[in-house]
Amino acid sequence: MEHLDNEKYKRAKKRVEEMKGFYIHLSIYMIINTVILVNIYRNTDDFWQWPHFVTLGAWGIGLFFHASKTFGFSMLFGKNWEERQIQKYIEKDKKDMDKFK
């Protein structure tokens, strides 16, 4: 019983560390990009240009993937897709093993 509780604790701790890492990443993203955009806004006459938002957009894409990994969502390869693929290969292995019996 103690072993199971220890495993649950380790999984929970790992999950909390992943979430903490994401929230730190999000905070740094917001602070740095705010500083960059305020600096650009104060030092240019034409703020609304694509090059001014490249860092925000590129880093935002990375942040999105970090969030999808941390919180377990994916538009292409979600948990349901993984489970279906696992079941497919289990069934295939069973059929292949039945051929040799």
N, C-alpha and C. Protein backbone atom coordinates (compact mmCIF):
# COMPACT_ATOMS: atom_id res chain seq x y z
N MET A 1 0.82 -1.20 0.00
CA MET A 1 0.00 0.00 0.00
C MET A 1 0.87 1.27 0.00
N GLU A 2 1.94 1.21 0.78
CA GLU A 2 2.83 2.36 0.84
C GLU A 2 3.48 2.61 -0.51
N HIS A 3 3.80 1.54 -1.22
CA HIS A 3 4.41 1.66 -2.55
C HIS A 3 3.46 2.39 -3.51
N LEU A 4 2.18 2.04 -3.48
CA LEU A 4 1.19 2.70 -4.35
C LEU A 4 1.06 4.17 -4.00
N ASP A 5 1.04 4.47 -2.71
CA ASP A 5 0.95 5.87 -2.29
C ASP A 5 2.18 6.65 -2.74
N ASN A 6 3.34 6.03 -2.67
CA ASN A 6 4.58 6.67 -3.10
C ASN A 6 4.55 6.94 -4.60
N GLU A 7 4.06 5.99 -5.39
CA GLU A 7 3.94 6.19 -6.83
C GLU A 7 2.95 7.31 -7.16
N LYS A 8 1.83 7.33 -6.47
CA LYS A 8 0.84 8.39 -6.68
C LYS A 8 1.44 9.75 -6.35
N TYR A 9 2.19 9.79 -5.26
CA TYR A 9 2.84 11.04 -4.86
C TYR A 9 3.83 11.51 -5.92
N LYS A 10 4.64 10.58 -6.44
CA LYS A 10 5.61 10.94 -7.48
C LYS A 10 4.92 11.46 -8.73
N ARG A 11 3.84 10.79 -9.15
CA ARG A 11 3.10 11.26 -10.35
C ARG A 11 2.50 12.63 -10.11
N ALA A 12 1.90 12.83 -8.92
CA ALA A 12 1.29 14.12 -8.61
C ALA A 12 2.35 15.22 -8.56
N LYS A 13 3.50 14.91 -7.96
CA LYS A 13 4.58 15.90 -7.87
C LYS A 13 5.09 16.26 -9.26
N LYS A 14 5.26 15.25 -10.11
CA LYS A 14 5.72 15.51 -11.48
C LYS A 14 4.72 16.40 -12.22
N ARG A 15 3.43 16.11 -12.05
CA ARG A 15 2.37 16.89 -12.70
C ARG A 15 2.41 18.35 -12.24
N VAL A 16 2.57 18.54 -10.93
CA VAL A 16 2.62 19.90 -10.38
C VAL A 16 3.86 20.63 -10.90
N GLU A 17 4.99 19.94 -11.00
CA GLU A 17 6.20 20.56 -11.54
C GLU A 17 6.02 20.95 -13.00
N GLU A 18 5.33 20.12 -13.78
CA GLU A 18 5.06 20.46 -15.18
C GLU A 18 4.19 21.70 -15.28
N MET A 19 3.15 21.76 -14.44
CA MET A 19 2.26 22.92 -14.45
C MET A 19 3.01 24.18 -14.00
N LYS A 20 3.84 24.05 -12.98
CA LYS A 20 4.63 25.18 -12.50
C LYS A 20 5.54 25.69 -13.61
N GLY A 21 6.19 24.77 -14.31
CA GLY A 21 7.05 25.15 -15.43
C GLY A 21 6.30 25.90 -16.50
N PHE A 22 5.08 25.44 -16.82
CA PHE A 22 4.27 26.13 -17.82
C PHE A 22 3.92 27.54 -17.36
N TYR A 23 3.47 27.67 -16.11
CA TYR A 23 3.06 28.99 -15.62
C TYR A 23 4.25 29.95 -15.52
N ILE A 24 5.43 29.44 -15.21
CA ILE A 24 6.63 30.29 -15.24
C ILE A 24 6.90 30.74 -16.68
N HIS A 25 6.80 29.80 -17.63
CA HIS A 25 7.00 30.11 -19.05
C HIS A 25 5.99 31.18 -19.49
N LEU A 26 4.72 31.01 -19.12
CA LEU A 26 3.68 31.97 -19.48
C LEU A 26 3.98 33.35 -18.89
N SER A 27 4.39 33.40 -17.63
CA SER A 27 4.70 34.68 -16.98
C SER A 27 5.85 35.39 -17.68
N ILE A 28 6.91 34.65 -17.98
CA ILE A 28 8.06 35.25 -18.66
C ILE A 28 7.66 35.74 -20.05
N TYR A 29 6.85 34.94 -20.76
CA TYR A 29 6.34 35.33 -22.08
C TYR A 29 5.61 36.67 -22.00
N MET A 30 4.71 36.79 -21.02
CA MET A 30 3.91 38.01 -20.90
C MET A 30 4.78 39.21 -20.54
N ILE A 31 5.70 39.03 -19.60
CA ILE A 31 6.55 40.15 -19.16
C ILE A 31 7.47 40.61 -20.29
N ILE A 32 8.19 39.67 -20.89
CA ILE A 32 9.17 40.03 -21.93
C ILE A 32 8.47 40.65 -23.14
N ASN A 33 7.37 40.04 -23.58
CA ASN A 33 6.69 40.59 -24.76
C ASN A 33 6.04 41.93 -24.48
N THR A 34 5.57 42.15 -23.25
CA THR A 34 5.04 43.46 -22.89
C THR A 34 6.15 44.52 -22.96
N VAL A 35 7.31 44.20 -22.42
CA VAL A 35 8.45 45.13 -22.46
C VAL A 35 8.84 45.42 -23.91
N ILE A 36 8.94 44.38 -24.73
CA ILE A 36 9.31 44.56 -26.13
C ILE A 36 8.30 45.45 -26.85
N LEU A 37 7.02 45.13 -26.70
CA LEU A 37 5.99 45.89 -27.43
C LEU A 37 5.87 47.33 -26.94
N VAL A 38 6.00 47.55 -25.64
CA VAL A 38 5.96 48.92 -25.12
C VAL A 38 7.15 49.70 -25.66
N ASN A 39 8.32 49.08 -25.69
CA ASN A 39 9.51 49.73 -26.23
C ASN A 39 9.34 50.08 -27.71
N ILE A 40 8.80 49.16 -28.48
CA ILE A 40 8.56 49.44 -29.90
C ILE A 40 7.53 50.56 -30.05
N TYR A 41 6.46 50.50 -29.26
CA TYR A 41 5.41 51.52 -29.34
C TYR A 41 5.95 52.92 -29.05
N ARG A 42 6.82 53.01 -28.05
CA ARG A 42 7.37 54.31 -27.66
C ARG A 42 8.40 54.84 -28.65
N ASN A 43 9.02 53.95 -29.44
CA ASN A 43 10.12 54.38 -30.30
C ASN A 43 9.82 54.31 -31.79
N THR A 44 8.56 54.18 -32.15
CA THR A 44 8.22 54.13 -33.57
C THR A 44 6.93 54.88 -33.82
N ASP A 45 6.80 55.36 -35.05
CA ASP A 45 5.57 56.06 -35.44
C ASP A 45 4.54 55.09 -36.01
N ASP A 46 4.99 53.97 -36.52
CA ASP A 46 4.10 52.99 -37.15
C ASP A 46 4.18 51.65 -36.41
N PHE A 47 3.45 51.56 -35.32
CA PHE A 47 3.51 50.41 -34.43
C PHE A 47 2.97 49.14 -35.08
N TRP A 48 1.90 49.24 -35.85
CA TRP A 48 1.18 48.07 -36.37
C TRP A 48 1.84 47.51 -37.62
N GLN A 49 3.05 46.99 -37.47
CA GLN A 49 3.76 46.33 -38.55
C GLN A 49 4.06 44.90 -38.13
N TRP A 50 4.01 43.99 -39.10
CA TRP A 50 4.23 42.58 -38.82
C TRP A 50 5.56 42.29 -38.08
N PRO A 51 6.67 42.87 -38.50
CA PRO A 51 7.94 42.54 -37.82
C PRO A 51 7.95 42.83 -36.31
N HIS A 52 7.11 43.75 -35.89
CA HIS A 52 7.05 44.07 -34.46
C HIS A 52 6.42 42.95 -33.64
N PHE A 53 5.71 42.05 -34.29
CA PHE A 53 4.97 41.00 -33.58
C PHE A 53 5.51 39.60 -33.83
N VAL A 54 6.65 39.49 -34.49
CA VAL A 54 7.23 38.18 -34.81
C VAL A 54 7.58 37.43 -33.53
N THR A 55 8.24 38.08 -32.59
CA THR A 55 8.61 37.43 -31.34
C THR A 55 7.37 36.95 -30.59
N LEU A 56 6.37 37.82 -30.52
CA LEU A 56 5.12 37.47 -29.85
C LEU A 56 4.49 36.24 -30.49
N GLY A 57 4.42 36.22 -31.81
CA GLY A 57 3.79 35.11 -32.51
C GLY A 57 4.58 33.81 -32.45
N ALA A 58 5.88 33.89 -32.73
CA ALA A 58 6.71 32.68 -32.74
C ALA A 58 6.79 32.07 -31.34
N TRP A 59 7.02 32.89 -30.36
CA TRP A 59 7.11 32.41 -28.99
C TRP A 59 5.74 31.91 -28.54
N GLY A 60 4.69 32.56 -29.01
CA GLY A 60 3.32 32.13 -28.69
C GLY A 60 3.03 30.73 -29.21
N ILE A 61 3.55 30.40 -30.38
CA ILE A 61 3.38 29.05 -30.91
C ILE A 61 4.08 28.04 -30.00
N GLY A 62 5.29 28.36 -29.58
CA GLY A 62 6.00 27.49 -28.64
C GLY A 62 5.26 27.34 -27.33
N LEU A 63 4.69 28.43 -26.84
CA LEU A 63 3.92 28.41 -25.60
C LEU A 63 2.67 27.54 -25.76
N PHE A 64 2.04 27.61 -26.93
CA PHE A 64 0.88 26.77 -27.19
C PHE A 64 1.24 25.28 -27.10
N PHE A 65 2.38 24.90 -27.70
CA PHE A 65 2.79 23.50 -27.65
C PHE A 65 3.16 23.08 -26.23
N HIS A 66 3.76 24.00 -25.48
CA HIS A 66 4.07 23.70 -24.08
C HIS A 66 2.77 23.47 -23.31
N ALA A 67 1.76 24.30 -23.55
CA ALA A 67 0.47 24.14 -22.88
C ALA A 67 -0.19 22.83 -23.28
N SER A 68 -0.12 22.48 -24.56
CA SER A 68 -0.76 21.24 -25.01
C SER A 68 -0.09 20.02 -24.38
N LYS A 69 1.21 20.07 -24.21
CA LYS A 69 1.91 18.96 -23.55
C LYS A 69 1.56 18.92 -22.05
N THR A 70 1.56 20.08 -21.42
CA THR A 70 1.31 20.15 -19.98
C THR A 70 -0.11 19.74 -19.63
N PHE A 71 -1.08 20.22 -20.39
CA PHE A 71 -2.47 19.98 -20.04
C PHE A 71 -3.12 18.86 -20.84
N GLY A 72 -2.34 18.21 -21.71
CA GLY A 72 -2.79 17.00 -22.38
C GLY A 72 -3.83 17.19 -23.47
N PHE A 73 -3.78 18.29 -24.17
CA PHE A 73 -4.68 18.42 -25.31
C PHE A 73 -3.86 18.56 -26.58
N SER A 74 -4.44 18.04 -27.63
CA SER A 74 -3.77 18.11 -28.93
C SER A 74 -4.84 18.08 -30.00
N MET A 75 -4.69 18.95 -30.97
CA MET A 75 -5.67 18.98 -32.05
C MET A 75 -5.50 17.79 -32.97
N LEU A 76 -4.28 17.29 -33.12
CA LEU A 76 -4.03 16.20 -34.05
C LEU A 76 -3.94 14.85 -33.37
N PHE A 77 -3.17 14.77 -32.30
CA PHE A 77 -2.88 13.49 -31.68
C PHE A 77 -3.27 13.50 -30.21
N GLY A 78 -4.56 13.54 -29.94
CA GLY A 78 -5.05 13.55 -28.58
C GLY A 78 -5.03 12.17 -27.95
N LYS A 79 -5.48 12.11 -26.70
CA LYS A 79 -5.50 10.85 -25.96
C LYS A 79 -6.36 9.81 -26.67
N ASN A 80 -7.50 10.20 -27.21
CA ASN A 80 -8.36 9.23 -27.90
C ASN A 80 -7.64 8.61 -29.09
N TRP A 81 -6.91 9.42 -29.84
CA TRP A 81 -6.17 8.91 -30.98
C TRP A 81 -5.12 7.91 -30.50
N GLU A 82 -4.41 8.26 -29.43
CA GLU A 82 -3.38 7.36 -28.90
C GLU A 82 -4.00 6.02 -28.49
N GLU A 83 -5.10 6.08 -27.77
CA GLU A 83 -5.76 4.84 -27.32
C GLU A 83 -6.22 3.99 -28.49
N ARG A 84 -6.77 4.63 -29.52
CA ARG A 84 -7.21 3.87 -30.71
C ARG A 84 -6.03 3.20 -31.39
N GLN A 85 -4.91 3.91 -31.49
CA GLN A 85 -3.73 3.33 -32.13
C GLN A 85 -3.18 2.17 -31.31
N ILE A 86 -3.15 2.32 -30.00
CA ILE A 86 -2.67 1.24 -29.14
C ILE A 86 -3.55 0.01 -29.30
N GLN A 87 -4.87 0.20 -29.27
CA GLN A 87 -5.79 -0.92 -29.44
C GLN A 87 -5.63 -1.57 -30.80
N LYS A 88 -5.42 -0.78 -31.82
CA LYS A 88 -5.22 -1.30 -33.17
C LYS A 88 -4.01 -2.23 -33.22
N TYR A 89 -2.91 -1.80 -32.62
CA TYR A 89 -1.70 -2.62 -32.65
C TYR A 89 -1.81 -3.85 -31.75
N ILE A 90 -2.54 -3.74 -30.66
CA ILE A 90 -2.78 -4.91 -29.81
C ILE A 90 -3.57 -5.95 -30.59
N GLU A 91 -4.61 -5.51 -31.27
CA GLU A 91 -5.43 -6.43 -32.07
C GLU A 91 -4.62 -7.04 -33.20
N LYS A 92 -3.79 -6.25 -33.83
CA LYS A 92 -2.94 -6.77 -34.91
C LYS A 92 -1.99 -7.83 -34.38
N ASP A 93 -1.39 -7.57 -33.23
CA ASP A 93 -0.49 -8.56 -32.63
C ASP A 93 -1.23 -9.85 -32.30
N LYS A 94 -2.45 -9.72 -31.79
CA LYS A 94 -3.23 -10.91 -31.47
C LYS A 94 -3.51 -11.74 -32.73
N LYS A 95 -3.88 -11.06 -33.81
CA LYS A 95 -4.15 -11.77 -35.06
C LYS A 95 -2.90 -12.44 -35.59
N ASP A 96 -1.77 -11.73 -35.51
CA ASP A 96 -0.50 -12.31 -35.98
C ASP A 96 -0.12 -13.53 -35.14
N MET A 97 -0.35 -13.48 -33.85
CA MET A 97 -0.02 -14.61 -32.99
C MET A 97 -0.95 -15.79 -33.25
N ASP A 98 -2.22 -15.50 -33.57
CA ASP A 98 -3.19 -16.57 -33.88
C ASP A 98 -2.81 -17.33 -35.14
N LYS A 99 -2.13 -16.68 -36.07
CA LYS A 99 -1.72 -17.34 -37.32
C LYS A 99 -0.72 -18.45 -37.04
N PHE A 100 0.07 -18.27 -36.00
CA PHE A 100 1.12 -19.24 -35.71
C PHE A 100 0.67 -20.37 -34.78
N LYS A 101 -0.54 -20.34 -34.34
CA LYS A 101 -1.05 -21.39 -33.44
C LYS A 101 -1.58 -22.57 -34.21
